N, C-alpha and C. Protein backbone atom coordinates (compact mmCIF):
# COMPACT_ATOMS: atom_id res chain seq x y z
N UNK A 1 -17.88 -1.91 1.17
CA UNK A 1 -16.47 -2.10 1.08
C UNK A 1 -16.17 -3.19 0.03
N UNK A 2 -15.13 -2.96 -0.76
CA UNK A 2 -14.75 -3.97 -1.77
C UNK A 2 -14.48 -5.28 -1.04
N UNK A 3 -14.78 -6.37 -1.74
CA UNK A 3 -14.63 -7.65 -1.11
C UNK A 3 -13.60 -8.57 -1.83
N UNK A 4 -13.36 -9.68 -1.17
CA UNK A 4 -12.47 -10.69 -1.76
C UNK A 4 -13.09 -11.20 -3.05
N UNK A 5 -12.23 -11.36 -4.04
CA UNK A 5 -12.69 -11.82 -5.36
C UNK A 5 -13.20 -10.77 -6.29
N UNK A 6 -13.25 -9.54 -5.82
CA UNK A 6 -13.72 -8.42 -6.68
C UNK A 6 -12.56 -7.79 -7.41
N UNK A 7 -12.80 -7.33 -8.59
CA UNK A 7 -11.76 -6.63 -9.36
C UNK A 7 -11.62 -5.20 -8.87
N UNK A 8 -10.39 -4.73 -8.82
CA UNK A 8 -10.12 -3.33 -8.45
C UNK A 8 -10.81 -2.43 -9.48
N UNK A 9 -11.38 -1.30 -9.00
CA UNK A 9 -12.00 -0.37 -9.94
C UNK A 9 -10.93 0.38 -10.74
N UNK A 10 -11.34 0.96 -11.84
CA UNK A 10 -10.43 1.78 -12.60
C UNK A 10 -10.10 3.02 -11.84
N UNK A 11 -8.84 3.43 -11.86
CA UNK A 11 -8.44 4.67 -11.19
C UNK A 11 -7.19 5.20 -11.84
N UNK A 12 -6.96 6.48 -11.61
CA UNK A 12 -5.72 7.12 -12.07
C UNK A 12 -5.35 8.16 -11.00
N UNK A 13 -4.24 7.94 -10.37
CA UNK A 13 -3.79 8.79 -9.25
C UNK A 13 -2.34 9.30 -9.50
N UNK A 14 -1.99 10.35 -8.82
CA UNK A 14 -0.62 10.85 -8.81
C UNK A 14 0.10 10.28 -7.63
N UNK A 15 1.37 9.96 -7.81
CA UNK A 15 2.15 9.46 -6.68
C UNK A 15 3.48 10.14 -6.63
N UNK A 16 4.11 10.05 -5.50
CA UNK A 16 5.51 10.42 -5.33
C UNK A 16 6.31 9.14 -5.56
N UNK A 17 7.25 9.19 -6.48
CA UNK A 17 8.04 8.00 -6.80
C UNK A 17 9.00 7.64 -5.69
N UNK A 18 9.40 6.39 -5.63
CA UNK A 18 10.37 5.92 -4.64
C UNK A 18 11.67 6.73 -4.74
N UNK A 19 12.27 7.02 -3.59
CA UNK A 19 13.59 7.62 -3.52
C UNK A 19 13.65 9.14 -3.66
N UNK A 20 12.51 9.81 -3.85
CA UNK A 20 12.51 11.25 -4.07
C UNK A 20 12.15 11.99 -2.78
N UNK A 21 12.86 13.12 -2.56
CA UNK A 21 12.54 14.03 -1.48
C UNK A 21 12.22 15.42 -1.99
N UNK A 22 12.61 15.71 -3.22
CA UNK A 22 12.41 17.06 -3.81
C UNK A 22 11.50 16.91 -5.03
N UNK A 23 10.82 17.99 -5.40
CA UNK A 23 9.91 17.93 -6.58
C UNK A 23 10.63 17.49 -7.86
N UNK A 24 11.88 17.84 -7.98
CA UNK A 24 12.68 17.41 -9.13
C UNK A 24 14.10 17.10 -8.64
N UNK A 25 14.60 15.98 -9.10
CA UNK A 25 15.96 15.58 -8.77
C UNK A 25 16.65 15.07 -10.03
N UNK A 26 17.81 15.62 -10.33
CA UNK A 26 18.59 15.25 -11.50
C UNK A 26 17.73 15.36 -12.80
N UNK A 27 16.92 16.40 -12.83
CA UNK A 27 16.08 16.67 -14.00
C UNK A 27 14.87 15.80 -14.14
N UNK A 28 14.59 14.96 -13.12
CA UNK A 28 13.48 14.03 -13.17
C UNK A 28 12.45 14.43 -12.14
N UNK A 29 11.17 14.45 -12.52
CA UNK A 29 10.07 14.79 -11.62
C UNK A 29 9.85 13.71 -10.59
N UNK A 30 9.55 14.17 -9.37
CA UNK A 30 9.21 13.19 -8.29
C UNK A 30 7.80 12.63 -8.44
N UNK A 31 7.01 13.25 -9.31
CA UNK A 31 5.59 12.89 -9.40
C UNK A 31 5.35 12.05 -10.65
N UNK A 32 4.48 11.12 -10.53
CA UNK A 32 4.14 10.24 -11.66
C UNK A 32 2.70 9.72 -11.49
N UNK A 33 1.98 9.75 -12.53
CA UNK A 33 0.64 9.16 -12.53
C UNK A 33 0.74 7.65 -12.63
N UNK A 34 -0.18 6.95 -11.99
CA UNK A 34 -0.29 5.52 -12.18
C UNK A 34 -1.75 5.17 -12.10
N UNK A 35 -2.09 4.02 -12.70
CA UNK A 35 -3.47 3.61 -12.79
C UNK A 35 -3.62 2.16 -12.34
N UNK A 36 -4.89 1.70 -12.37
CA UNK A 36 -5.17 0.33 -12.01
C UNK A 36 -4.44 -0.65 -12.92
N UNK A 37 -4.07 -0.23 -14.11
CA UNK A 37 -3.40 -1.16 -15.05
C UNK A 37 -1.86 -0.93 -15.12
N UNK A 38 -1.34 -0.04 -14.33
CA UNK A 38 0.10 0.24 -14.36
C UNK A 38 0.94 -0.97 -13.98
N UNK A 39 0.43 -1.81 -13.13
CA UNK A 39 1.25 -2.96 -12.64
C UNK A 39 0.54 -4.29 -12.93
N UNK A 40 -0.17 -4.35 -14.07
CA UNK A 40 -0.79 -5.60 -14.48
C UNK A 40 0.27 -6.71 -14.53
N UNK A 41 -0.13 -7.90 -14.10
CA UNK A 41 0.78 -9.01 -14.12
C UNK A 41 1.64 -9.12 -12.86
N UNK A 42 1.48 -8.18 -11.97
CA UNK A 42 2.25 -8.21 -10.67
C UNK A 42 1.25 -8.22 -9.49
N UNK A 43 1.72 -8.82 -8.40
CA UNK A 43 0.99 -8.71 -7.15
C UNK A 43 1.18 -7.29 -6.65
N UNK A 44 0.22 -6.82 -5.84
CA UNK A 44 0.27 -5.51 -5.26
C UNK A 44 -0.15 -5.55 -3.80
N UNK A 45 0.63 -4.93 -2.94
CA UNK A 45 0.18 -4.63 -1.57
C UNK A 45 -0.10 -3.15 -1.60
N UNK A 46 -1.37 -2.79 -1.38
CA UNK A 46 -1.78 -1.40 -1.35
C UNK A 46 -2.30 -1.08 0.04
N UNK A 47 -1.66 -0.10 0.66
CA UNK A 47 -2.11 0.25 2.00
C UNK A 47 -2.54 1.71 2.05
N UNK A 48 -3.63 1.94 2.80
CA UNK A 48 -4.18 3.28 3.02
C UNK A 48 -3.92 3.68 4.46
N UNK A 49 -3.64 4.93 4.68
CA UNK A 49 -3.52 5.45 6.04
C UNK A 49 -4.22 6.79 6.13
N UNK A 50 -4.62 7.22 7.37
CA UNK A 50 -5.47 8.40 7.49
C UNK A 50 -4.88 9.73 6.98
N UNK A 51 -3.69 10.14 7.47
CA UNK A 51 -3.21 11.47 7.12
C UNK A 51 -1.69 11.49 7.22
N UNK A 52 -1.08 12.35 6.40
CA UNK A 52 0.32 12.65 6.49
C UNK A 52 0.56 13.52 7.76
N UNK A 53 1.76 13.57 8.23
CA UNK A 53 2.15 14.39 9.41
C UNK A 53 1.35 14.01 10.65
N UNK A 54 1.18 12.72 10.87
CA UNK A 54 0.48 12.24 12.07
C UNK A 54 1.44 11.31 12.86
N UNK A 55 0.91 10.60 13.82
CA UNK A 55 1.76 9.90 14.76
C UNK A 55 1.92 8.39 14.43
N UNK A 56 0.82 7.69 14.22
CA UNK A 56 0.86 6.25 13.94
C UNK A 56 1.32 6.00 12.53
N UNK A 57 0.88 6.79 11.59
CA UNK A 57 1.11 6.57 10.16
C UNK A 57 2.62 6.37 9.80
N UNK A 58 3.50 7.23 10.29
CA UNK A 58 4.91 6.98 9.90
C UNK A 58 5.47 5.67 10.45
N UNK A 59 4.99 5.22 11.59
CA UNK A 59 5.50 3.93 12.11
C UNK A 59 5.11 2.82 11.19
N UNK A 60 3.92 2.90 10.59
CA UNK A 60 3.47 1.87 9.66
C UNK A 60 4.23 1.97 8.34
N UNK A 61 4.37 3.19 7.80
CA UNK A 61 5.08 3.36 6.54
C UNK A 61 6.49 2.87 6.62
N UNK A 62 7.15 3.15 7.72
CA UNK A 62 8.54 2.69 7.89
C UNK A 62 8.58 1.18 7.97
N UNK A 63 7.63 0.55 8.62
CA UNK A 63 7.64 -0.92 8.68
C UNK A 63 7.27 -1.55 7.34
N UNK A 64 6.33 -0.95 6.59
CA UNK A 64 6.05 -1.44 5.25
C UNK A 64 7.34 -1.32 4.39
N UNK A 65 8.04 -0.18 4.51
CA UNK A 65 9.28 -0.03 3.76
C UNK A 65 10.30 -1.11 4.10
N UNK A 66 10.30 -1.56 5.36
CA UNK A 66 11.26 -2.56 5.77
C UNK A 66 11.00 -3.93 5.13
N UNK A 67 9.77 -4.19 4.66
CA UNK A 67 9.51 -5.47 3.99
C UNK A 67 9.51 -5.34 2.47
N UNK A 68 9.74 -4.15 1.94
CA UNK A 68 9.62 -3.94 0.50
C UNK A 68 10.55 -4.85 -0.30
N UNK A 69 11.76 -5.06 0.15
CA UNK A 69 12.68 -5.92 -0.58
C UNK A 69 12.12 -7.33 -0.67
N UNK A 70 11.53 -7.82 0.44
CA UNK A 70 10.97 -9.19 0.41
C UNK A 70 9.74 -9.21 -0.53
N UNK A 71 8.98 -8.17 -0.54
CA UNK A 71 7.82 -8.12 -1.46
C UNK A 71 8.29 -8.16 -2.90
N UNK A 72 9.35 -7.40 -3.21
CA UNK A 72 9.89 -7.36 -4.57
C UNK A 72 10.35 -8.74 -5.01
N UNK A 73 10.97 -9.50 -4.08
CA UNK A 73 11.41 -10.84 -4.41
C UNK A 73 10.21 -11.77 -4.78
N UNK A 74 9.02 -11.38 -4.37
CA UNK A 74 7.80 -12.15 -4.63
C UNK A 74 7.01 -11.51 -5.74
N UNK A 75 7.66 -10.69 -6.56
CA UNK A 75 7.04 -10.06 -7.74
C UNK A 75 5.85 -9.20 -7.29
N UNK A 76 6.03 -8.46 -6.21
CA UNK A 76 4.95 -7.63 -5.63
C UNK A 76 5.41 -6.18 -5.54
N UNK A 77 4.50 -5.30 -5.90
CA UNK A 77 4.70 -3.87 -5.84
C UNK A 77 4.05 -3.35 -4.54
N UNK A 78 4.73 -2.48 -3.80
CA UNK A 78 4.23 -1.90 -2.57
C UNK A 78 3.83 -0.47 -2.87
N UNK A 79 2.59 -0.13 -2.54
CA UNK A 79 2.06 1.23 -2.79
C UNK A 79 1.29 1.65 -1.54
N UNK A 80 1.59 2.85 -1.01
CA UNK A 80 0.87 3.31 0.16
C UNK A 80 0.39 4.75 -0.07
N UNK A 81 -0.69 5.13 0.59
CA UNK A 81 -1.11 6.50 0.45
C UNK A 81 -2.32 6.86 1.28
N UNK A 82 -2.76 8.11 1.07
CA UNK A 82 -3.87 8.66 1.83
C UNK A 82 -4.59 9.71 0.94
N UNK A 83 -5.45 10.44 1.55
CA UNK A 83 -6.20 11.51 0.84
C UNK A 83 -5.46 12.84 0.82
N UNK A 84 -4.24 12.89 1.35
CA UNK A 84 -3.44 14.12 1.23
C UNK A 84 -2.92 14.21 -0.20
N UNK A 85 -2.51 15.41 -0.60
CA UNK A 85 -1.99 15.53 -1.96
C UNK A 85 -0.53 15.17 -2.03
N UNK A 86 -0.02 15.08 -3.23
CA UNK A 86 1.37 14.63 -3.50
C UNK A 86 2.38 15.61 -2.92
N UNK A 87 2.09 16.91 -2.85
CA UNK A 87 3.04 17.87 -2.32
C UNK A 87 3.19 17.68 -0.81
N UNK A 88 2.11 17.37 -0.14
CA UNK A 88 2.13 17.08 1.31
C UNK A 88 3.00 15.85 1.56
N UNK A 89 2.85 14.82 0.73
CA UNK A 89 3.64 13.60 0.91
C UNK A 89 5.13 13.87 0.73
N UNK A 90 5.48 14.63 -0.25
CA UNK A 90 6.85 15.00 -0.50
C UNK A 90 7.45 15.82 0.65
N UNK A 91 6.70 16.75 1.14
CA UNK A 91 7.11 17.57 2.28
C UNK A 91 7.34 16.70 3.51
N UNK A 92 6.45 15.75 3.71
CA UNK A 92 6.59 14.84 4.86
C UNK A 92 7.85 14.01 4.78
N UNK A 93 8.18 13.58 3.58
CA UNK A 93 9.46 12.83 3.39
C UNK A 93 10.65 13.67 3.81
N UNK A 94 10.59 14.97 3.49
CA UNK A 94 11.71 15.85 3.87
C UNK A 94 11.73 16.13 5.37
N UNK A 95 10.55 16.16 5.99
CA UNK A 95 10.44 16.51 7.41
C UNK A 95 10.77 15.35 8.32
N UNK A 96 10.34 14.12 7.95
CA UNK A 96 10.45 12.97 8.85
C UNK A 96 11.66 12.10 8.45
N UNK A 97 12.66 12.00 9.32
CA UNK A 97 13.89 11.24 8.92
C UNK A 97 13.60 9.81 8.47
N UNK A 98 12.63 9.15 9.06
CA UNK A 98 12.32 7.76 8.72
C UNK A 98 11.68 7.62 7.34
N UNK A 99 11.15 8.72 6.77
CA UNK A 99 10.49 8.66 5.47
C UNK A 99 11.36 9.19 4.34
N UNK A 100 12.52 9.72 4.68
CA UNK A 100 13.43 10.27 3.69
C UNK A 100 13.82 9.22 2.65
N UNK A 101 13.73 9.59 1.37
CA UNK A 101 14.10 8.64 0.26
C UNK A 101 13.29 7.35 0.35
N UNK A 102 12.03 7.44 0.76
CA UNK A 102 11.22 6.26 0.90
C UNK A 102 11.32 5.33 -0.30
N UNK A 103 11.37 4.03 -0.04
CA UNK A 103 11.67 3.06 -1.09
C UNK A 103 10.45 2.54 -1.87
N UNK A 104 9.29 3.14 -1.70
CA UNK A 104 8.13 2.75 -2.44
C UNK A 104 7.23 3.97 -2.75
N UNK A 105 6.36 3.78 -3.69
CA UNK A 105 5.46 4.80 -4.17
C UNK A 105 4.47 5.22 -3.07
N UNK A 106 4.23 6.57 -3.00
CA UNK A 106 3.22 7.14 -2.10
C UNK A 106 2.14 7.78 -2.94
N UNK A 107 0.94 7.24 -2.90
CA UNK A 107 -0.13 7.79 -3.76
C UNK A 107 -0.92 8.86 -3.00
N UNK A 108 -1.47 9.76 -3.86
CA UNK A 108 -2.32 10.86 -3.38
C UNK A 108 -3.71 10.67 -3.93
N UNK A 109 -4.69 10.70 -3.06
CA UNK A 109 -6.10 10.60 -3.45
C UNK A 109 -6.85 11.76 -2.81
N UNK A 110 -6.47 13.02 -3.19
CA UNK A 110 -6.98 14.18 -2.46
C UNK A 110 -8.49 14.39 -2.56
N UNK A 111 -9.12 13.93 -3.60
CA UNK A 111 -10.60 14.00 -3.64
C UNK A 111 -11.28 12.82 -2.97
N UNK A 112 -10.44 11.82 -2.56
CA UNK A 112 -10.95 10.64 -1.89
C UNK A 112 -11.77 9.73 -2.79
N UNK A 113 -11.62 9.86 -4.12
CA UNK A 113 -12.45 9.08 -5.06
C UNK A 113 -12.17 7.58 -4.89
N UNK A 114 -10.92 7.16 -5.01
CA UNK A 114 -10.60 5.73 -4.88
C UNK A 114 -10.94 5.26 -3.47
N UNK A 115 -10.52 5.99 -2.46
CA UNK A 115 -10.77 5.62 -1.07
C UNK A 115 -12.28 5.41 -0.83
N UNK A 116 -13.10 6.28 -1.34
CA UNK A 116 -14.54 6.14 -1.17
C UNK A 116 -15.10 4.98 -2.00
N UNK A 117 -14.63 4.86 -3.25
CA UNK A 117 -15.11 3.79 -4.10
C UNK A 117 -14.83 2.40 -3.54
N UNK A 118 -13.72 2.27 -2.79
CA UNK A 118 -13.40 1.02 -2.17
C UNK A 118 -14.11 0.81 -0.83
N UNK A 119 -14.80 1.87 -0.36
CA UNK A 119 -15.51 1.80 0.92
C UNK A 119 -14.59 1.94 2.09
N UNK A 120 -13.49 2.67 1.93
CA UNK A 120 -12.47 2.78 2.97
C UNK A 120 -12.42 4.19 3.59
N UNK A 121 -13.42 5.03 3.31
CA UNK A 121 -13.45 6.36 3.88
C UNK A 121 -14.17 6.34 5.23
N UNK A 122 -13.51 6.83 6.27
CA UNK A 122 -14.08 6.89 7.60
C UNK A 122 -15.09 8.02 7.68
N UNK A 123 -15.89 8.01 8.77
CA UNK A 123 -16.81 9.09 9.04
C UNK A 123 -16.09 10.44 9.23
N UNK A 124 -14.83 10.35 9.68
CA UNK A 124 -14.01 11.53 9.90
C UNK A 124 -13.50 12.12 8.59
N UNK A 125 -13.73 11.43 7.47
CA UNK A 125 -13.32 11.97 6.18
C UNK A 125 -11.90 11.63 5.77
N UNK A 126 -11.32 10.66 6.49
CA UNK A 126 -9.98 10.20 6.14
C UNK A 126 -10.04 8.67 5.90
N UNK A 127 -9.01 8.16 5.24
CA UNK A 127 -9.00 6.70 4.98
C UNK A 127 -8.81 5.89 6.27
N UNK A 128 -9.48 4.79 6.32
CA UNK A 128 -9.18 3.80 7.39
C UNK A 128 -7.79 3.25 7.12
N UNK A 129 -7.23 2.59 8.15
CA UNK A 129 -5.97 1.85 8.00
C UNK A 129 -6.25 0.52 7.32
N UNK A 130 -6.30 0.57 6.01
CA UNK A 130 -6.64 -0.65 5.25
C UNK A 130 -5.43 -1.17 4.45
N UNK A 131 -5.34 -2.46 4.40
CA UNK A 131 -4.28 -3.12 3.61
C UNK A 131 -4.95 -4.10 2.70
N UNK A 132 -4.60 -4.03 1.44
CA UNK A 132 -5.15 -4.92 0.42
C UNK A 132 -4.01 -5.66 -0.27
N UNK A 133 -4.24 -6.91 -0.56
CA UNK A 133 -3.35 -7.69 -1.44
C UNK A 133 -4.16 -7.97 -2.71
N UNK A 134 -3.61 -7.54 -3.81
CA UNK A 134 -4.29 -7.64 -5.13
C UNK A 134 -3.43 -8.52 -6.04
N UNK A 135 -4.06 -9.47 -6.67
CA UNK A 135 -3.29 -10.42 -7.47
C UNK A 135 -2.91 -9.84 -8.84
N UNK A 136 -2.13 -10.57 -9.69
CA UNK A 136 -1.71 -10.04 -10.96
C UNK A 136 -2.83 -9.68 -11.96
N UNK A 137 -4.03 -10.23 -11.69
CA UNK A 137 -5.17 -9.90 -12.54
C UNK A 137 -6.04 -8.78 -11.94
N UNK A 138 -5.52 -8.10 -10.94
CA UNK A 138 -6.20 -7.00 -10.24
C UNK A 138 -7.44 -7.40 -9.47
N UNK A 139 -7.41 -8.65 -8.96
CA UNK A 139 -8.48 -9.17 -8.13
C UNK A 139 -8.05 -9.12 -6.69
N UNK A 140 -8.90 -8.57 -5.83
CA UNK A 140 -8.59 -8.45 -4.40
C UNK A 140 -8.58 -9.84 -3.80
N UNK A 141 -7.47 -10.23 -3.16
CA UNK A 141 -7.33 -11.54 -2.53
C UNK A 141 -7.33 -11.43 -1.00
N UNK A 142 -7.06 -10.21 -0.49
CA UNK A 142 -7.00 -10.00 0.96
C UNK A 142 -7.31 -8.56 1.23
N UNK A 143 -8.05 -8.31 2.30
CA UNK A 143 -8.28 -6.97 2.75
C UNK A 143 -8.36 -7.01 4.28
N UNK A 144 -7.69 -6.08 4.93
CA UNK A 144 -7.75 -5.97 6.40
C UNK A 144 -7.86 -4.48 6.73
N UNK A 145 -8.80 -4.16 7.60
CA UNK A 145 -9.07 -2.78 7.93
C UNK A 145 -9.01 -2.62 9.46
N UNK A 146 -8.18 -1.68 9.91
CA UNK A 146 -8.03 -1.39 11.31
C UNK A 146 -8.71 -0.10 11.65
N UNK A 147 -9.06 0.04 12.93
CA UNK A 147 -9.56 1.33 13.44
C UNK A 147 -8.48 2.38 13.28
N UNK A 148 -8.91 3.62 13.28
CA UNK A 148 -7.96 4.72 13.05
C UNK A 148 -6.86 4.77 14.10
N UNK A 149 -7.13 4.32 15.32
CA UNK A 149 -6.13 4.39 16.38
C UNK A 149 -5.30 3.16 16.59
N UNK A 150 -5.38 2.21 15.61
CA UNK A 150 -4.70 0.94 15.77
C UNK A 150 -3.77 0.68 14.57
N UNK A 151 -2.47 0.57 14.85
CA UNK A 151 -1.51 0.32 13.82
C UNK A 151 -1.54 -1.13 13.33
N UNK A 152 -0.93 -1.35 12.20
CA UNK A 152 -0.93 -2.68 11.54
C UNK A 152 0.38 -3.42 11.73
N UNK A 153 0.39 -4.66 11.25
CA UNK A 153 1.57 -5.50 11.30
C UNK A 153 1.98 -5.89 9.88
N UNK A 154 2.91 -5.16 9.25
CA UNK A 154 3.30 -5.46 7.89
C UNK A 154 3.92 -6.86 7.68
N UNK A 155 4.53 -7.39 8.74
CA UNK A 155 5.08 -8.76 8.64
C UNK A 155 3.94 -9.76 8.41
N UNK A 156 2.79 -9.55 8.99
CA UNK A 156 1.66 -10.43 8.72
C UNK A 156 1.19 -10.25 7.29
N UNK A 157 1.24 -9.04 6.74
CA UNK A 157 0.89 -8.82 5.35
C UNK A 157 1.81 -9.62 4.45
N UNK A 158 3.08 -9.61 4.72
CA UNK A 158 4.04 -10.41 3.96
C UNK A 158 3.76 -11.90 4.06
N UNK A 159 3.45 -12.37 5.27
CA UNK A 159 3.11 -13.80 5.44
C UNK A 159 1.83 -14.15 4.66
N UNK A 160 0.88 -13.25 4.67
CA UNK A 160 -0.39 -13.49 3.95
C UNK A 160 -0.10 -13.57 2.45
N UNK A 161 0.72 -12.67 1.91
CA UNK A 161 1.08 -12.71 0.51
C UNK A 161 1.73 -14.05 0.15
N UNK A 162 2.66 -14.48 1.02
CA UNK A 162 3.35 -15.76 0.78
C UNK A 162 2.37 -16.92 0.77
N UNK A 163 1.38 -16.86 1.68
CA UNK A 163 0.36 -17.93 1.73
C UNK A 163 -0.50 -17.89 0.49
N UNK A 164 -0.89 -16.74 0.01
CA UNK A 164 -1.67 -16.63 -1.20
C UNK A 164 -0.90 -17.13 -2.41
N UNK A 165 0.38 -16.93 -2.44
CA UNK A 165 1.20 -17.36 -3.56
C UNK A 165 1.60 -18.83 -3.48
N UNK A 166 1.34 -19.48 -2.33
CA UNK A 166 1.76 -20.88 -2.11
C UNK A 166 1.04 -21.86 -3.04
N UNK A 167 -0.14 -21.51 -3.49
CA UNK A 167 -0.85 -22.40 -4.43
C UNK A 167 -1.56 -23.56 -3.77
N UNK A 168 -1.99 -23.40 -2.58
CA UNK A 168 -2.79 -24.46 -1.92
C UNK A 168 -3.36 -24.01 -0.64
N UNK A 169 -3.83 -24.96 0.18
CA UNK A 169 -4.45 -24.66 1.44
C UNK A 169 -3.35 -24.44 2.49
N UNK A 170 -3.39 -23.30 3.18
CA UNK A 170 -2.39 -23.02 4.19
C UNK A 170 -3.06 -22.95 5.56
N UNK A 171 -2.42 -23.60 6.54
CA UNK A 171 -2.93 -23.61 7.90
C UNK A 171 -2.74 -22.27 8.65
N UNK A 172 -3.37 -22.14 9.77
CA UNK A 172 -3.12 -20.97 10.62
C UNK A 172 -1.65 -20.84 10.89
N UNK A 173 -1.13 -19.64 10.82
CA UNK A 173 0.30 -19.34 11.07
C UNK A 173 1.22 -20.03 10.09
N UNK A 174 0.74 -20.50 8.97
CA UNK A 174 1.60 -21.12 7.93
C UNK A 174 2.72 -20.20 7.56
N UNK A 175 3.87 -20.78 7.30
CA UNK A 175 5.05 -20.04 6.87
C UNK A 175 5.67 -20.77 5.68
N UNK A 176 6.35 -20.04 4.78
CA UNK A 176 6.98 -20.66 3.64
C UNK A 176 7.86 -21.84 4.08
N UNK A 177 7.79 -22.90 3.30
CA UNK A 177 8.56 -24.12 3.66
C UNK A 177 7.73 -25.14 4.35
N UNK A 178 6.65 -24.71 4.97
CA UNK A 178 5.77 -25.69 5.63
C UNK A 178 4.85 -26.33 4.60
N UNK A 179 4.40 -27.52 4.91
CA UNK A 179 3.53 -28.25 3.99
C UNK A 179 2.18 -27.59 3.86
N UNK A 180 1.58 -27.76 2.68
CA UNK A 180 0.21 -27.32 2.48
C UNK A 180 -0.75 -28.37 2.97
N UNK A 181 -1.93 -27.96 3.28
CA UNK A 181 -2.95 -28.92 3.76
C UNK A 181 -3.62 -29.61 2.58
N UNK A 182 -4.23 -30.76 2.84
CA UNK A 182 -5.03 -31.44 1.85
C UNK A 182 -4.34 -32.24 0.87
């Protein structure tokens, strides 16, 4: 599994852009390629989930979407995805009311190349519930991996990003505005 302090590998994936429910809207495609260098100079929260059209995954995606505005204020891009293809992701947005017009990019890794390269592929052949915080230089600063049957806490991901951006030593349960240690 990729570790703290390691550079993200090179990749190029297709994603469904934020706000789209149809393959084309107002003459613009819902699909867009992005790579490891697409968001250089920005923080990234990248989360992986097992499968589209499942039970736990939409609860997590909706909660990640709820913190997206706060992430953007911190110069951070939110990207989530799985090993399903981009058409499946778009169909899920149309099917699930909580995912309609989703406010962040949904990536597709249908061959599982990036998922496997990061060491995040489960024995079942789907991605673990992994969350990564990647700094502006594409260096992994945080990674958390949950069992397939255990949902995550996106609010803790936001707090961790804030702590990483604080520029010093942060205590357990540190929150913005609190003093740094040392």
